[in-house]
Amino acid sequence: MSLTRFVKDALRRPESIPTPGAIFYNATVAKVLRKPETKIAHDVVEKMGNGIILDLGSGTGYLAIQIARRSPSLQVYGIDLSRQMVKIARRHARGVDNAQFVFGNAAELPFKDSSIDLVVSTGASHHWKAPRLVFEECYRVLKAGKEAWIYDGCPEIFSNKDNRRKLQEEYGFLIGRLGHRVSTLHGFAMAEYQSEIKDMLERTPFKGNYQMAPTDIWMRITLKKRD
């Protein structure tokens, strides 16, 4: 087993981030990801005039809160398996009435069938212990014809020098220079997306109704529930 694989496996073992990790994440990683997540918030609001949005692995709440602030007609829920993350997110969301955060497991969503207009997730799927169950839950809670946007790391996005330079100019040194290494540890290689993840999706209700594409600093998986 390579050192990189060993570290990746170790990082994926704790599905929820413990309290010290949540505090560190809030002070560092969450700030680095603000600009990329702001773009996603813009895309969500542009697509959704109204409805209910669900953010899986919402962390300290930045994405969900940005969506809620930009569109008061949207009701945004964030769910996370770390109680400390939920606590921090709720503190950040004070005064934003259309953003709520709950403690829970993405593999057992506390939402009714066909009740959600869009599911979004950033940088969480590599932590999921039972990703197939999470995708099945996404299908269950989505309304007919609605989508889930699952974003996570992919080191190949940073392999191209021109693209890496562009990302560094837009987002700064940490993402431009360290993006490849961070995505290697916190994400999936292109081969994994095209093999293991694709094969798994073919065994879910989303079979044949999904797309994968590099988007900004992420690999985005777009899943659509059939009408």
Protein backbone atom coordinates (compact mmCIF):
# COMPACT_ATOMS: atom_id res chain seq x y z
CA MET A 1 0.00 0.00 0.00
CA SER A 2 1.36 3.44 -0.93
CA LEU A 3 1.81 6.14 1.71
CA THR A 4 -0.79 8.29 -0.05
CA ARG A 5 -3.35 5.48 0.03
CA PHE A 6 -2.57 4.81 3.70
CA VAL A 7 -3.12 8.47 4.60
CA LYS A 8 -6.32 8.66 2.54
CA ASP A 9 -7.74 5.58 4.23
CA ALA A 10 -6.83 6.96 7.66
CA LEU A 11 -8.50 10.30 6.90
CA ARG A 12 -11.69 8.59 5.76
CA ARG A 13 -12.13 6.47 8.88
CA PRO A 14 -13.73 9.19 11.03
CA GLU A 15 -16.93 9.95 9.13
CA SER A 16 -17.65 12.84 11.48
CA ILE A 17 -15.03 15.43 12.34
CA PRO A 18 -14.28 15.56 16.10
CA THR A 19 -14.55 18.83 18.03
CA PRO A 20 -10.86 19.89 17.72
CA GLY A 21 -10.96 19.17 13.98
CA ALA A 22 -14.15 21.20 13.57
CA ILE A 23 -12.61 24.19 15.34
CA PHE A 24 -9.46 23.93 13.19
CA TYR A 25 -11.56 23.55 10.02
CA ASN A 26 -13.57 26.67 10.88
CA ALA A 27 -10.40 28.68 11.39
CA THR A 28 -8.54 27.50 8.28
CA VAL A 29 -10.05 25.26 5.59
CA ALA A 30 -13.49 26.89 5.65
CA LYS A 31 -11.89 30.27 4.89
CA VAL A 32 -9.83 28.87 1.99
CA LEU A 33 -12.97 27.40 0.40
CA ARG A 34 -15.11 30.51 0.67
CA LYS A 35 -14.50 31.79 -2.86
CA PRO A 36 -15.09 28.42 -4.59
CA GLU A 37 -18.22 27.83 -2.49
CA THR A 38 -19.45 31.35 -3.24
CA LYS A 39 -19.43 30.36 -6.92
CA ILE A 40 -21.52 27.30 -6.14
CA ALA A 41 -23.95 29.42 -4.12
CA HIS A 42 -24.33 31.72 -7.14
CA ASP A 43 -25.02 28.73 -9.41
CA VAL A 44 -27.62 27.34 -6.99
CA VAL A 45 -29.50 30.63 -6.71
CA GLU A 46 -29.35 31.15 -10.47
CA LYS A 47 -30.96 27.75 -11.04
CA MET A 48 -33.46 27.76 -8.17
CA GLY A 49 -36.03 30.52 -7.94
CA ASN A 50 -37.60 28.99 -4.85
CA GLY A 51 -37.83 25.66 -3.07
CA ILE A 52 -35.95 23.61 -0.50
CA ILE A 53 -32.19 23.05 -0.67
CA LEU A 54 -30.33 20.38 1.29
CA ASP A 55 -26.58 20.65 1.93
CA LEU A 56 -25.02 17.30 2.85
CA GLY A 57 -21.99 17.56 5.12
CA SER A 58 -22.65 21.26 5.60
CA GLY A 59 -19.69 21.76 7.93
CA THR A 60 -19.51 25.24 9.42
CA GLY A 61 -22.35 26.38 7.17
CA TYR A 62 -20.78 28.83 4.74
CA LEU A 63 -22.32 27.44 1.54
CA ALA A 64 -25.81 26.98 2.97
CA ILE A 65 -25.79 30.44 4.54
CA GLN A 66 -24.59 32.08 1.32
CA ILE A 67 -27.42 30.42 -0.61
CA ALA A 68 -29.97 31.49 2.00
CA ARG A 69 -28.74 35.08 2.10
CA ARG A 70 -28.77 35.43 -1.67
CA SER A 71 -32.32 34.12 -2.05
CA PRO A 72 -34.79 34.56 0.83
CA SER A 73 -37.34 32.54 -1.16
CA LEU A 74 -35.20 29.42 -0.68
CA GLN A 75 -35.34 27.33 2.48
CA VAL A 76 -31.89 25.84 3.09
CA TYR A 77 -31.10 22.93 5.39
CA GLY A 78 -27.61 21.78 6.29
CA ILE A 79 -26.94 18.39 7.82
CA ASP A 80 -23.69 17.21 9.37
CA LEU A 81 -22.53 14.28 11.47
CA SER A 82 -20.33 16.50 13.65
CA ARG A 83 -22.20 18.12 16.52
CA GLN A 84 -19.50 20.77 16.80
CA MET A 85 -19.84 21.63 13.09
CA VAL A 86 -23.60 22.03 13.54
CA LYS A 87 -23.05 24.21 16.59
CA ILE A 88 -20.64 26.48 14.69
CA ALA A 89 -22.96 26.64 11.66
CA ARG A 90 -25.92 27.65 13.81
CA ARG A 91 -23.84 30.42 15.35
CA HIS A 92 -22.85 31.68 11.88
CA ALA A 93 -26.49 31.55 10.74
CA ARG A 94 -27.88 33.86 13.42
CA GLY A 95 -30.20 36.33 11.73
CA VAL A 96 -30.56 34.17 8.60
CA ASP A 97 -34.02 32.74 9.18
CA ASN A 98 -34.16 30.59 6.03
CA ALA A 99 -31.02 28.57 6.92
CA GLN A 100 -31.26 25.76 9.45
CA PHE A 101 -28.73 23.16 10.52
CA VAL A 102 -29.39 19.71 11.92
CA PHE A 103 -27.26 16.92 13.30
CA GLY A 104 -27.64 13.71 11.31
CA ASN A 105 -26.24 11.08 8.96
CA ALA A 106 -26.42 11.59 5.20
CA ALA A 107 -27.14 7.85 4.89
CA GLU A 108 -30.31 8.26 7.00
CA LEU A 109 -31.74 11.64 6.07
CA PRO A 110 -34.48 13.01 8.37
CA PHE A 111 -36.53 14.33 5.44
CA LYS A 112 -39.70 13.05 3.81
CA ASP A 113 -39.81 11.35 0.42
CA SER A 114 -39.87 13.72 -2.56
CA SER A 115 -39.51 16.83 -0.38
CA ILE A 116 -36.25 18.42 -1.62
CA ASP A 117 -35.72 20.55 -4.74
CA LEU A 118 -31.91 20.37 -4.85
CA VAL A 119 -29.24 18.45 -2.93
CA VAL A 120 -25.74 19.91 -2.86
CA SER A 121 -22.55 18.70 -1.19
CA THR A 122 -18.96 19.98 -1.23
CA GLY A 123 -15.92 18.02 -0.11
CA ALA A 124 -17.87 15.49 1.94
CA SER A 125 -18.37 12.39 -0.21
CA HIS A 126 -14.87 11.01 0.42
CA HIS A 127 -15.81 10.79 4.12
CA TRP A 128 -18.99 8.76 3.58
CA LYS A 129 -18.79 5.24 5.00
CA ALA A 130 -21.76 4.06 2.92
CA PRO A 131 -21.84 6.29 -0.18
CA ARG A 132 -24.29 4.06 -2.02
CA LEU A 133 -26.79 4.54 0.81
CA VAL A 134 -26.25 8.31 0.67
CA PHE A 135 -26.96 8.37 -3.06
CA GLU A 136 -30.07 6.27 -2.53
CA GLU A 137 -31.20 8.69 0.17
CA CYS A 138 -30.63 11.59 -2.23
CA TYR A 139 -32.89 9.87 -4.73
CA ARG A 140 -35.55 9.24 -2.08
CA VAL A 141 -35.78 12.81 -0.80
CA LEU A 142 -35.52 14.56 -4.17
CA LYS A 143 -38.66 15.57 -6.00
CA ALA A 144 -39.19 14.04 -9.45
CA GLY A 145 -36.94 15.62 -12.08
CA LYS A 146 -34.75 17.38 -9.50
CA GLU A 147 -30.96 17.12 -9.10
CA ALA A 148 -28.15 16.48 -6.66
CA TRP A 149 -24.81 18.24 -7.17
CA ILE A 150 -21.97 16.39 -5.45
CA TYR A 151 -18.61 18.19 -5.48
CA ASP A 152 -15.35 16.66 -4.26
CA GLY A 153 -11.63 16.75 -4.90
CA CYS A 154 -9.87 15.41 -7.99
CA PRO A 155 -6.07 15.88 -8.20
CA GLU A 156 -5.98 15.69 -12.00
CA ILE A 157 -7.69 19.10 -12.12
CA PHE A 158 -4.44 20.57 -10.84
CA SER A 159 -2.13 18.52 -13.07
CA ASN A 160 -2.33 20.91 -16.00
CA LYS A 161 0.12 23.78 -15.44
CA ASP A 162 -2.02 26.40 -17.20
CA ASN A 163 -5.10 25.42 -15.19
CA ARG A 164 -3.11 25.36 -11.96
CA ARG A 165 -1.77 28.86 -12.70
CA LYS A 166 -5.28 30.12 -13.45
CA LEU A 167 -6.63 28.69 -10.19
CA GLN A 168 -3.74 30.18 -8.24
CA GLU A 169 -4.42 33.61 -9.76
CA GLU A 170 -8.11 33.35 -8.90
CA TYR A 171 -7.94 31.72 -5.48
CA GLY A 172 -4.45 32.32 -4.16
CA PHE A 173 -1.37 30.32 -3.28
CA LEU A 174 -2.92 27.66 -1.06
CA ILE A 175 -5.39 26.36 -3.64
CA GLY A 176 -3.15 26.87 -6.66
CA ARG A 177 -0.01 25.33 -5.22
CA LEU A 178 -1.40 22.80 -2.75
CA GLY A 179 -4.60 21.83 -4.56
CA HIS A 180 -3.14 18.69 -6.13
CA ARG A 181 -1.88 17.30 -2.83
CA VAL A 182 -5.01 18.23 -0.88
CA SER A 183 -7.28 16.73 -3.56
CA THR A 184 -5.22 13.56 -3.55
CA LEU A 185 -5.85 13.14 0.17
CA HIS A 186 -9.36 14.63 0.26
CA GLY A 187 -11.08 13.38 -2.86
CA PHE A 188 -10.82 10.74 -5.57
CA ALA A 189 -8.50 10.22 -8.51
CA MET A 190 -10.03 10.46 -11.98
CA ALA A 191 -9.68 6.70 -12.35
CA GLU A 192 -11.71 6.20 -9.16
CA TYR A 193 -14.50 8.43 -10.44
CA GLN A 194 -14.56 6.53 -13.74
CA SER A 195 -14.46 3.07 -12.16
CA GLU A 196 -15.51 2.53 -8.53
CA ILE A 197 -17.83 5.52 -8.22
CA LYS A 198 -19.37 5.03 -11.66
CA ASP A 199 -19.94 1.33 -10.98
CA MET A 200 -21.56 2.17 -7.65
CA LEU A 201 -23.87 4.77 -9.20
CA GLU A 202 -24.97 2.17 -11.73
CA ARG A 203 -26.31 0.17 -8.78
CA THR A 204 -28.44 3.04 -7.48
CA PRO A 205 -31.77 4.47 -8.73
CA PHE A 206 -29.71 7.13 -10.57
CA LYS A 207 -28.46 4.45 -12.98
CA GLY A 208 -27.80 6.00 -16.38
CA ASN A 209 -28.98 9.40 -15.22
CA TYR A 210 -25.85 11.16 -14.00
CA GLN A 211 -22.84 13.07 -15.32
CA MET A 212 -19.31 13.69 -14.04
CA ALA A 213 -17.27 16.72 -15.08
CA PRO A 214 -14.37 18.80 -13.73
CA THR A 215 -15.81 22.11 -12.51
CA ASP A 216 -13.58 24.85 -11.12
CA ILE A 217 -11.51 23.20 -8.33
CA TRP A 218 -13.83 20.20 -8.05
CA MET A 219 -15.13 17.14 -9.78
CA ARG A 220 -18.89 17.58 -9.93
CA ILE A 221 -21.28 14.65 -10.10
CA THR A 222 -24.73 15.72 -11.27
CA LEU A 223 -27.47 13.22 -10.43
CA LYS A 224 -31.01 13.60 -11.68
CA LYS A 225 -34.11 11.87 -10.34
CA ARG A 226 -36.34 10.60 -13.08
CA ASP A 227 -39.62 12.39 -13.78
